[in-house]
Amino acid sequence: MNIVNFHNPLDLGKVYLIGAGPGDAELLTLKAFKILQQVNVVFYDSLITDEMLALIPKKTKKVFVGKRCGKHSIKQNDICNLLVQAGLSGKIVARLKGGDPSIFGRLAEEADALTQHKIPFAIIPGVTAASGCAAYSGIPLTHRDYSQSVQFITAHQKSVLSEPDWESLSKSQNTLVFYMGLNRIEKISNCLMEHNMSMDMPIAVIDKGATLEQQVLTSTLKDITKALKGLKLLGPALIVVGHVVNARQNIDLNLLFEQHREDYKVNE
C-alpha cells in the first residue's frame, strides 16, 4: 500500500502524527494500523496501551516519550526535535498519541516543527476520548431533549490567564467534557457552582475509559468530591457535566457492556 505519495526530492523521511483512540486497541483506525505496519520507528505516549503496541511489528523501533497530563519524561520541544531528526535522517516515523492528535494533543507544535524543516507529514485522526469513553459508558454527548452541542475543555491550563470562562460554562446548556481533570474535580465542580450552575447538575467521572479497567462514577456537582473519596482512580479520567449523564439510567448497562467487554466495571 502506498500510504502517501509525497514529492520528496531531498529523500527526507515522512512523519505520521497518529491518533490511537482512547484505550481499546480495536478503536485504532484501519488507516493508522496500516501505517504502523510500515514505519521504521514509533514515538509513543503513556496513553498507548500494551495491546496497541502489540499491533506494531516487533522489528519496528519503539521509543517511549512519556507525555501524560502535563507530566513529561521528555519535554515537548525535545519530542519535536526527535521527530525532526528522524525525519531528516530519512526514516518513516509514527508519532502515536492517545485519542485524537488535534484535541489537546500538542499537534500544532509538532506540525510547526516539521514544517520549519520542510519534512513531509500527515495527520491521521483518531477517536477522541470524549467520544470513545462516553460511548463505552452509555452516555450520549448530545441529546435532543437535553443538549444540542458539546464543549471540550482541558483541565490543565497553561496559566491563570488561560482559565476557562466559568461564567459562560455555568450558563451553558451544552454538555461539558473536561479532559485530564481527575486531580481538579473539586475545583471544576466548585467553580461551576460558584457561577450559579445547579448543585444538582449530573456529572460523570470516567476513569481509564474504553479499557478493561474502566470505572464510571455518576453523581452531582455538590456530591462528586465526597463520592470520589476512598475510590482508587488512577486516571486518565474524563469528566462529563450535563443532563446527558442521566440518559444512561434509561439503558440496561449489562446489555451495553456485554457488547464491548464483559468485565468492564460500573460504579453507581
C-alpha atoms as a PDB file:
ATOM      1  CA  MET A   1       0.000   0.000   0.000  1.00  0.00           C
ATOM      2  CA  ASN A   2       1.339   3.422  -0.982  1.00  0.00           C
ATOM      3  CA  ILE A   3       0.338   5.396   2.121  1.00  0.00           C
ATOM      4  CA  VAL A   4       1.125   8.921   0.935  1.00  0.00           C
ATOM      5  CA  ASN A   5       2.648   9.878  -2.397  1.00  0.00           C
ATOM      6  CA  PHE A   6       4.880  12.752  -1.325  1.00  0.00           C
ATOM      7  CA  HIS A   7       7.060  14.583  -3.832  1.00  0.00           C
ATOM      8  CA  ASN A   8      10.265  14.405  -1.846  1.00  0.00           C
ATOM      9  CA  PRO A   9      13.320  15.429  -3.882  1.00  0.00           C
ATOM     10  CA  LEU A  10      15.642  15.511  -0.865  1.00  0.00           C
ATOM     11  CA  ASP A  11      14.878  11.942   0.203  1.00  0.00           C
ATOM     12  CA  LEU A  12      13.670  13.121   3.574  1.00  0.00           C
ATOM     13  CA  GLY A  13      11.638  10.815   5.740  1.00  0.00           C
ATOM     14  CA  LYS A  14       7.931  11.096   6.430  1.00  0.00           C
ATOM     15  CA  VAL A  15       6.214  11.632   9.752  1.00  0.00           C
ATOM     16  CA  TYR A  16       2.710  10.446  10.603  1.00  0.00           C
ATOM     17  CA  LEU A  17       1.002  12.161  13.539  1.00  0.00           C
ATOM     18  CA  ILE A  18      -1.441   9.434  14.536  1.00  0.00           C
ATOM     19  CA  GLY A  19      -4.365   9.332  16.946  1.00  0.00           C
ATOM     20  CA  ALA A  20      -4.602   5.921  18.616  1.00  0.00           C
ATOM     21  CA  GLY A  21      -8.016   6.351  20.220  1.00  0.00           C
ATOM     22  CA  PRO A  22      -8.914   6.333  23.925  1.00  0.00           C
ATOM     23  CA  GLY A  23      -7.833   2.880  25.090  1.00  0.00           C
ATOM     24  CA  ASP A  24      -9.335  -0.139  23.354  1.00  0.00           C
ATOM     25  CA  ALA A  25      -6.806  -1.208  20.722  1.00  0.00           C
ATOM     26  CA  GLU A  26      -9.640  -2.113  18.354  1.00  0.00           C
ATOM     27  CA  LEU A  27     -10.611   1.571  18.201  1.00  0.00           C
ATOM     28  CA  LEU A  28      -7.398   2.256  16.289  1.00  0.00           C
ATOM     29  CA  THR A  29      -8.422   3.194  12.754  1.00  0.00           C
ATOM     30  CA  LEU A  30      -7.659   0.911   9.832  1.00  0.00           C
ATOM     31  CA  LYS A  31      -5.565   3.651   8.237  1.00  0.00           C
ATOM     32  CA  ALA A  32      -3.485   4.057  11.393  1.00  0.00           C
ATOM     33  CA  PHE A  33      -2.990   0.297  11.641  1.00  0.00           C
ATOM     34  CA  LYS A  34      -1.771   0.040   8.045  1.00  0.00           C
ATOM     35  CA  ILE A  35       0.685   2.887   8.531  1.00  0.00           C
ATOM     36  CA  LEU A  36       2.069   1.329  11.715  1.00  0.00           C
ATOM     37  CA  GLN A  37       2.948  -1.805   9.738  1.00  0.00           C
ATOM     38  CA  GLN A  38       5.304   0.184   7.504  1.00  0.00           C
ATOM     39  CA  VAL A  39       7.096   2.751   9.648  1.00  0.00           C
ATOM     40  CA  ASN A  40      10.683   2.454  10.915  1.00  0.00           C
ATOM     41  CA  VAL A  41      10.174   3.998  14.340  1.00  0.00           C
ATOM     42  CA  VAL A  42       7.235   4.812  16.629  1.00  0.00           C
ATOM     43  CA  PHE A  43       7.359   7.539  19.278  1.00  0.00           C
ATOM     44  CA  TYR A  44       4.521   6.812  21.695  1.00  0.00           C
ATOM     45  CA  ASP A  45       2.918   8.305  24.818  1.00  0.00           C
ATOM     46  CA  SER A  46       1.853   6.963  28.206  1.00  0.00           C
ATOM     47  CA  LEU A  47      -1.720   6.531  26.981  1.00  0.00           C
ATOM     48  CA  ILE A  48      -0.690   3.909  24.436  1.00  0.00           C
ATOM     49  CA  THR A  49      -1.614   0.504  25.850  1.00  0.00           C
ATOM     50  CA  ASP A  50       0.321  -2.741  25.597  1.00  0.00           C
ATOM     51  CA  GLU A  51      -2.452  -4.063  23.338  1.00  0.00           C
ATOM     52  CA  MET A  52      -1.827  -1.208  20.908  1.00  0.00           C
ATOM     53  CA  LEU A  53       1.934  -1.722  20.978  1.00  0.00           C
ATOM     54  CA  ALA A  54       1.380  -5.401  20.200  1.00  0.00           C
ATOM     55  CA  LEU A  55      -0.122  -4.360  16.854  1.00  0.00           C
ATOM     56  CA  ILE A  56       3.221  -2.872  15.793  1.00  0.00           C
ATOM     57  CA  PRO A  57       5.713  -5.259  14.153  1.00  0.00           C
ATOM     58  CA  LYS A  58       8.449  -6.464  16.513  1.00  0.00           C
ATOM     59  CA  LYS A  59      11.148  -5.248  14.128  1.00  0.00           C
ATOM     60  CA  THR A  60       9.902  -1.646  14.425  1.00  0.00           C
ATOM     61  CA  LYS A  61      11.791   0.550  16.875  1.00  0.00           C
ATOM     62  CA  LYS A  62       9.522   1.838  19.649  1.00  0.00           C
ATOM     63  CA  VAL A  63      10.512   4.910  21.668  1.00  0.00           C
ATOM     64  CA  PHE A  64       8.563   5.900  24.789  1.00  0.00           C
ATOM     65  CA  VAL A  65       8.274   9.675  25.172  1.00  0.00           C
ATOM     66  CA  GLY A  66       6.051   9.559  28.235  1.00  0.00           C
ATOM     67  CA  LYS A  67       3.742  12.556  27.977  1.00  0.00           C
ATOM     68  CA  ARG A  68       0.660  12.499  30.183  1.00  0.00           C
ATOM     69  CA  CYS A  69      -1.405  15.229  31.871  1.00  0.00           C
ATOM     70  CA  GLY A  70       1.466  17.668  31.949  1.00  0.00           C
ATOM     71  CA  LYS A  71       3.910  15.145  33.475  1.00  0.00           C
ATOM     72  CA  HIS A  72       6.623  14.612  30.906  1.00  0.00           C
ATOM     73  CA  SER A  73       9.635  12.365  30.886  1.00  0.00           C
ATOM     74  CA  ILE A  74      10.641  14.301  27.775  1.00  0.00           C
ATOM     75  CA  LYS A  75       9.757  17.955  27.146  1.00  0.00           C
ATOM     76  CA  GLN A  76       7.629  18.821  24.145  1.00  0.00           C
ATOM     77  CA  ASN A  77      10.481  20.663  22.429  1.00  0.00           C
ATOM     78  CA  ASP A  78      12.646  17.572  22.766  1.00  0.00           C
ATOM     79  CA  ILE A  79       9.914  15.404  21.267  1.00  0.00           C
ATOM     80  CA  CYS A  80       9.677  17.783  18.323  1.00  0.00           C
ATOM     81  CA  ASN A  81      13.444  17.539  17.886  1.00  0.00           C
ATOM     82  CA  LEU A  82      13.276  13.738  17.890  1.00  0.00           C
ATOM     83  CA  LEU A  83      10.675  13.816  15.125  1.00  0.00           C
ATOM     84  CA  VAL A  84      12.724  16.286  13.108  1.00  0.00           C
ATOM     85  CA  GLN A  85      15.958  14.317  13.500  1.00  0.00           C
ATOM     86  CA  ALA A  86      14.258  11.081  12.486  1.00  0.00           C
ATOM     87  CA  GLY A  87      12.633  12.755   9.504  1.00  0.00           C
ATOM     88  CA  LEU A  88      15.870  14.381   8.359  1.00  0.00           C
ATOM     89  CA  SER A  89      17.618  11.013   8.540  1.00  0.00           C
ATOM     90  CA  GLY A  90      15.168   9.562   6.024  1.00  0.00           C
ATOM     91  CA  LYS A  91      13.126   7.417   8.410  1.00  0.00           C
ATOM     92  CA  ILE A  92       9.413   6.737   8.128  1.00  0.00           C
ATOM     93  CA  VAL A  93       8.129   7.845  11.525  1.00  0.00           C
ATOM     94  CA  ALA A  94       4.922   7.442  13.525  1.00  0.00           C
ATOM     95  CA  ARG A  95       4.093   9.769  16.383  1.00  0.00           C
ATOM     96  CA  LEU A  96       1.428   7.762  18.226  1.00  0.00           C
ATOM     97  CA  LYS A  97      -0.822   9.684  20.613  1.00  0.00           C
ATOM     98  CA  GLY A  98      -3.819   8.712  22.702  1.00  0.00           C
ATOM     99  CA  GLY A  99      -7.178   9.933  21.429  1.00  0.00           C
ATOM    100  CA  ASP A 100      -7.113  12.368  18.518  1.00  0.00           C
ATOM    101  CA  PRO A 101      -3.925  14.371  17.890  1.00  0.00           C
ATOM    102  CA  SER A 102      -5.819  17.587  17.175  1.00  0.00           C
ATOM    103  CA  ILE A 103      -7.683  17.652  20.516  1.00  0.00           C
ATOM    104  CA  PHE A 104      -5.342  18.618  23.373  1.00  0.00           C
ATOM    105  CA  GLY A 105      -2.637  16.573  21.650  1.00  0.00           C
ATOM    106  CA  ARG A 106       0.023  19.257  21.018  1.00  0.00           C
ATOM    107  CA  LEU A 107      -0.457  18.701  17.302  1.00  0.00           C
ATOM    108  CA  ALA A 108       0.341  22.293  16.328  1.00  0.00           C
ATOM    109  CA  GLU A 109       3.799  22.293  17.916  1.00  0.00           C
ATOM    110  CA  GLU A 110       4.850  19.114  16.156  1.00  0.00           C
ATOM    111  CA  ALA A 111       3.366  20.106  12.807  1.00  0.00           C
ATOM    112  CA  ASP A 112       5.092  23.505  13.055  1.00  0.00           C
ATOM    113  CA  ALA A 113       8.468  21.888  13.782  1.00  0.00           C
ATOM    114  CA  LEU A 114       8.142  19.571  10.803  1.00  0.00           C
ATOM    115  CA  THR A 115       7.028  22.438   8.576  1.00  0.00           C
ATOM    116  CA  GLN A 116      10.019  24.561   9.582  1.00  0.00           C
ATOM    117  CA  HIS A 117      12.343  21.767   8.457  1.00  0.00           C
ATOM    118  CA  LYS A 118      10.273  21.013   5.343  1.00  0.00           C
ATOM    119  CA  ILE A 119       9.693  17.418   6.409  1.00  0.00           C
ATOM    120  CA  PRO A 120       6.605  15.828   4.807  1.00  0.00           C
ATOM    121  CA  PHE A 121       3.982  14.765   7.315  1.00  0.00           C
ATOM    122  CA  ALA A 122       0.403  13.545   7.548  1.00  0.00           C
ATOM    123  CA  ILE A 123      -2.191  13.862  10.303  1.00  0.00           C
ATOM    124  CA  ILE A 124      -4.175  10.691  10.992  1.00  0.00           C
ATOM    125  CA  PRO A 125      -7.242  11.395  13.155  1.00  0.00           C
ATOM    126  CA  GLY A 126      -8.299   9.093  15.962  1.00  0.00           C
ATOM    127  CA  VAL A 127     -11.321   8.535  18.190  1.00  0.00           C
ATOM    128  CA  THR A 128     -11.106  11.267  20.811  1.00  0.00           C
ATOM    129  CA  ALA A 129     -11.513  10.348  24.476  1.00  0.00           C
ATOM    130  CA  ALA A 130     -14.797  12.227  24.808  1.00  0.00           C
ATOM    131  CA  SER A 131     -16.423  10.176  22.074  1.00  0.00           C
ATOM    132  CA  GLY A 132     -14.927   6.799  22.963  1.00  0.00           C
ATOM    133  CA  CYS A 133     -15.252   6.992  26.746  1.00  0.00           C
ATOM    134  CA  ALA A 134     -18.779   8.387  26.642  1.00  0.00           C
ATOM    135  CA  ALA A 135     -19.884   5.651  24.245  1.00  0.00           C
ATOM    136  CA  TYR A 136     -18.377   2.900  26.396  1.00  0.00           C
ATOM    137  CA  SER A 137     -20.133   4.429  29.414  1.00  0.00           C
ATOM    138  CA  GLY A 138     -23.572   4.654  27.843  1.00  0.00           C
ATOM    139  CA  ILE A 139     -23.596   8.459  27.874  1.00  0.00           C
ATOM    140  CA  PRO A 140     -24.690  10.310  24.719  1.00  0.00           C
ATOM    141  CA  LEU A 141     -22.739  13.537  24.288  1.00  0.00           C
ATOM    142  CA  THR A 142     -25.780  15.209  22.757  1.00  0.00           C
ATOM    143  CA  HIS A 143     -29.478  14.556  23.268  1.00  0.00           C
ATOM    144  CA  ARG A 144     -32.431  16.187  21.569  1.00  0.00           C
ATOM    145  CA  ASP A 145     -34.090  16.811  24.953  1.00  0.00           C
ATOM    146  CA  TYR A 146     -31.038  17.900  26.967  1.00  0.00           C
ATOM    147  CA  SER A 147     -28.146  19.187  24.891  1.00  0.00           C
ATOM    148  CA  GLN A 148     -27.751  20.257  21.283  1.00  0.00           C
ATOM    149  CA  SER A 149     -23.971  20.697  21.422  1.00  0.00           C
ATOM    150  CA  VAL A 150     -20.862  19.705  23.343  1.00  0.00           C
ATOM    151  CA  GLN A 151     -17.790  21.596  24.541  1.00  0.00           C
ATOM    152  CA  PHE A 152     -14.345  20.084  25.121  1.00  0.00           C
ATOM    153  CA  ILE A 153     -12.300  21.790  27.849  1.00  0.00           C
ATOM    154  CA  THR A 154      -8.830  20.970  29.105  1.00  0.00           C
ATOM    155  CA  ALA A 155      -8.480  20.957  32.879  1.00  0.00           C
ATOM    156  CA  HIS A 156      -4.763  21.708  32.553  1.00  0.00           C
ATOM    157  CA  GLN A 157      -4.342  25.377  31.732  1.00  0.00           C
ATOM    158  CA  LYS A 158      -1.001  26.870  30.737  1.00  0.00           C
ATOM    159  CA  SER A 159      -1.506  29.830  33.077  1.00  0.00           C
ATOM    160  CA  VAL A 160      -4.100  31.704  35.124  1.00  0.00           C
ATOM    161  CA  LEU A 161      -4.825  33.789  32.045  1.00  0.00           C
ATOM    162  CA  SER A 162      -5.956  30.678  30.173  1.00  0.00           C
ATOM    163  CA  GLU A 163      -8.540  29.655  32.790  1.00  0.00           C
ATOM    164  CA  PRO A 164     -11.916  28.673  31.310  1.00  0.00           C
ATOM    165  CA  ASP A 165     -14.699  31.226  31.239  1.00  0.00           C
ATOM    166  CA  TRP A 166     -16.517  29.666  34.185  1.00  0.00           C
ATOM    167  CA  GLU A 167     -19.425  32.091  33.990  1.00  0.00           C
ATOM    168  CA  SER A 168     -20.086  31.184  30.378  1.00  0.00           C
ATOM    169  CA  LEU A 169     -19.674  27.462  31.055  1.00  0.00           C
ATOM    170  CA  SER A 170     -22.005  27.541  34.045  1.00  0.00           C
ATOM    171  CA  LYS A 171     -24.770  29.133  31.969  1.00  0.00           C
ATOM    172  CA  SER A 172     -24.286  26.766  29.067  1.00  0.00           C
ATOM    173  CA  GLN A 173     -26.947  24.259  28.127  1.00  0.00           C
ATOM    174  CA  ASN A 174     -24.269  22.245  26.352  1.00  0.00           C
ATOM    175  CA  THR A 175     -22.609  19.075  27.501  1.00  0.00           C
ATOM    176  CA  LEU A 176     -19.262  19.953  29.093  1.00  0.00           C
ATOM    177  CA  VAL A 177     -16.406  17.483  28.773  1.00  0.00           C
ATOM    178  CA  PHE A 178     -13.246  18.111  30.778  1.00  0.00           C
ATOM    179  CA  TYR A 179     -10.088  16.312  29.727  1.00  0.00           C
ATOM    180  CA  MET A 180      -7.369  15.422  32.264  1.00  0.00           C
ATOM    181  CA  GLY A 181      -9.477  16.645  35.175  1.00  0.00           C
ATOM    182  CA  LEU A 182      -9.292  13.959  37.860  1.00  0.00           C
ATOM    183  CA  ASN A 183      -6.987  15.928  40.159  1.00  0.00           C
ATOM    184  CA  ARG A 184      -9.011  19.098  39.627  1.00  0.00           C
ATOM    185  CA  ILE A 185     -12.505  17.720  40.056  1.00  0.00           C
ATOM    186  CA  GLU A 186     -13.136  19.729  43.224  1.00  0.00           C
ATOM    187  CA  LYS A 187     -12.082  22.965  41.540  1.00  0.00           C
ATOM    188  CA  ILE A 188     -14.194  22.228  38.468  1.00  0.00           C
ATOM    189  CA  SER A 189     -17.347  21.469  40.452  1.00  0.00           C
ATOM    190  CA  ASN A 190     -16.838  24.421  42.816  1.00  0.00           C
ATOM    191  CA  CYS A 191     -16.189  26.907  40.014  1.00  0.00           C
ATOM    192  CA  LEU A 192     -19.314  25.834  38.152  1.00  0.00           C
ATOM    193  CA  MET A 193     -21.458  26.085  41.297  1.00  0.00           C
ATOM    194  CA  GLU A 194     -19.923  29.440  42.265  1.00  0.00           C
ATOM    195  CA  HIS A 195     -21.073  30.749  38.897  1.00  0.00           C
ATOM    196  CA  ASN A 196     -24.625  29.529  39.524  1.00  0.00           C
ATOM    197  CA  MET A 197     -24.740  26.173  37.803  1.00  0.00           C
ATOM    198  CA  SER A 198     -27.226  23.972  39.656  1.00  0.00           C
ATOM    199  CA  MET A 199     -25.694  21.996  42.509  1.00  0.00           C
ATOM    200  CA  ASP A 200     -27.760  19.035  41.316  1.00  0.00           C
ATOM    201  CA  MET A 201     -26.317  19.069  37.806  1.00  0.00           C
ATOM    202  CA  PRO A 202     -25.358  15.480  36.888  1.00  0.00           C
ATOM    203  CA  ILE A 203     -21.676  14.701  36.494  1.00  0.00           C
ATOM    204  CA  ALA A 204     -19.806  11.560  35.466  1.00  0.00           C
ATOM    205  CA  VAL A 205     -16.183  10.625  36.001  1.00  0.00           C
ATOM    206  CA  ILE A 206     -14.918   8.004  33.575  1.00  0.00           C
ATOM    207  CA  ASP A 207     -11.621   6.506  34.713  1.00  0.00           C
ATOM    208  CA  LYS A 208      -9.449   4.558  32.276  1.00  0.00           C
ATOM    209  CA  GLY A 209     -12.208   4.773  29.711  1.00  0.00           C
ATOM    210  CA  ALA A 210     -12.505   2.144  26.983  1.00  0.00           C
ATOM    211  CA  THR A 211     -10.092  -0.209  28.754  1.00  0.00           C
ATOM    212  CA  LEU A 212     -10.571  -3.328  30.862  1.00  0.00           C
ATOM    213  CA  GLU A 213     -10.051  -1.161  33.955  1.00  0.00           C
ATOM    214  CA  GLN A 214     -12.793   1.339  33.066  1.00  0.00           C
ATOM    215  CA  GLN A 215     -14.805   2.657  36.004  1.00  0.00           C
ATOM    216  CA  VAL A 216     -17.718   5.079  35.798  1.00  0.00           C
ATOM    217  CA  LEU A 217     -18.935   7.128  38.734  1.00  0.00           C
ATOM    218  CA  THR A 218     -22.046   9.300  38.419  1.00  0.00           C
ATOM    219  CA  SER A 219     -23.101  11.926  40.933  1.00  0.00           C
ATOM    220  CA  THR A 220     -23.972  15.632  41.157  1.00  0.00           C
ATOM    221  CA  LEU A 221     -21.767  18.704  41.324  1.00  0.00           C
ATOM    222  CA  LYS A 222     -22.354  19.126  45.045  1.00  0.00           C
ATOM    223  CA  ASP A 223     -21.615  15.482  45.890  1.00  0.00           C
ATOM    224  CA  ILE A 224     -18.933  14.416  43.421  1.00  0.00           C
ATOM    225  CA  THR A 225     -15.907  15.240  45.592  1.00  0.00           C
ATOM    226  CA  LYS A 226     -17.335  13.260  48.504  1.00  0.00           C
ATOM    227  CA  ALA A 227     -18.313  10.392  46.197  1.00  0.00           C
ATOM    228  CA  LEU A 228     -14.754  10.082  44.904  1.00  0.00           C
ATOM    229  CA  LYS A 229     -13.197   9.774  48.352  1.00  0.00           C
ATOM    230  CA  GLY A 230     -11.941   6.281  49.025  1.00  0.00           C
ATOM    231  CA  LEU A 231     -12.038   5.248  45.377  1.00  0.00           C
ATOM    232  CA  LYS A 232      -8.741   4.295  43.800  1.00  0.00           C
ATOM    233  CA  LEU A 233      -8.957   6.094  40.494  1.00  0.00           C
ATOM    234  CA  LEU A 234      -5.577   6.498  38.850  1.00  0.00           C
ATOM    235  CA  GLY A 235      -6.542   8.196  35.616  1.00  0.00           C
ATOM    236  CA  PRO A 236      -6.550   9.174  32.931  1.00  0.00           C
ATOM    237  CA  ALA A 237     -10.092  10.313  33.614  1.00  0.00           C
ATOM    238  CA  LEU A 238     -12.702  12.169  31.626  1.00  0.00           C
ATOM    239  CA  ILE A 239     -15.360  14.333  33.287  1.00  0.00           C
ATOM    240  CA  VAL A 240     -18.780  14.819  31.701  1.00  0.00           C
ATOM    241  CA  VAL A 241     -21.113  17.502  33.064  1.00  0.00           C
ATOM    242  CA  GLY A 242     -24.700  17.858  31.904  1.00  0.00           C
ATOM    243  CA  HIS A 243     -28.161  16.322  31.853  1.00  0.00           C
ATOM    244  CA  VAL A 244     -26.980  13.780  29.269  1.00  0.00           C
ATOM    245  CA  VAL A 245     -25.375  11.871  32.155  1.00  0.00           C
ATOM    246  CA  ASN A 246     -28.868  10.880  33.327  1.00  0.00           C
ATOM    247  CA  ALA A 247     -29.590   9.290  29.954  1.00  0.00           C
ATOM    248  CA  ARG A 248     -27.537   6.236  30.930  1.00  0.00           C
ATOM    249  CA  GLN A 249     -30.172   5.467  33.581  1.00  0.00           C
ATOM    250  CA  ASN A 250     -32.583   4.615  30.782  1.00  0.00           C
ATOM    251  CA  ILE A 251     -30.491   1.792  29.342  1.00  0.00           C
ATOM    252  CA  ASP A 252     -29.594  -1.667  30.601  1.00  0.00           C
ATOM    253  CA  LEU A 253     -25.878  -1.292  31.293  1.00  0.00           C
ATOM    254  CA  ASN A 254     -25.432  -5.047  31.395  1.00  0.00           C
ATOM    255  CA  LEU A 255     -26.519  -5.226  27.777  1.00  0.00           C
ATOM    256  CA  LEU A 256     -24.211  -2.372  26.823  1.00  0.00           C
ATOM    257  CA  PHE A 257     -21.109  -3.736  28.495  1.00  0.00           C
ATOM    258  CA  GLU A 258     -21.588  -7.281  27.223  1.00  0.00           C
ATOM    259  CA  GLN A 259     -21.333  -5.871  23.731  1.00  0.00           C
ATOM    260  CA  HIS A 260     -17.857  -4.496  24.455  1.00  0.00           C
ATOM    261  CA  ARG A 261     -16.042  -6.255  27.321  1.00  0.00           C
ATOM    262  CA  GLU A 262     -17.878  -8.383  29.877  1.00  0.00           C
ATOM    263  CA  ASP A 263     -15.645  -7.318  32.738  1.00  0.00           C
ATOM    264  CA  TYR A 264     -15.916  -3.547  32.471  1.00  0.00           C
ATOM    265  CA  LYS A 265     -16.796  -2.156  35.898  1.00  0.00           C
ATOM    266  CA  VAL A 266     -19.749   0.064  36.725  1.00  0.00           C
ATOM    267  CA  ASN A 267     -19.964   2.064  39.962  1.00  0.00           C
ATOM    268  CA  GLU A 268     -23.119   3.943  40.936  1.00  0.00           C
END
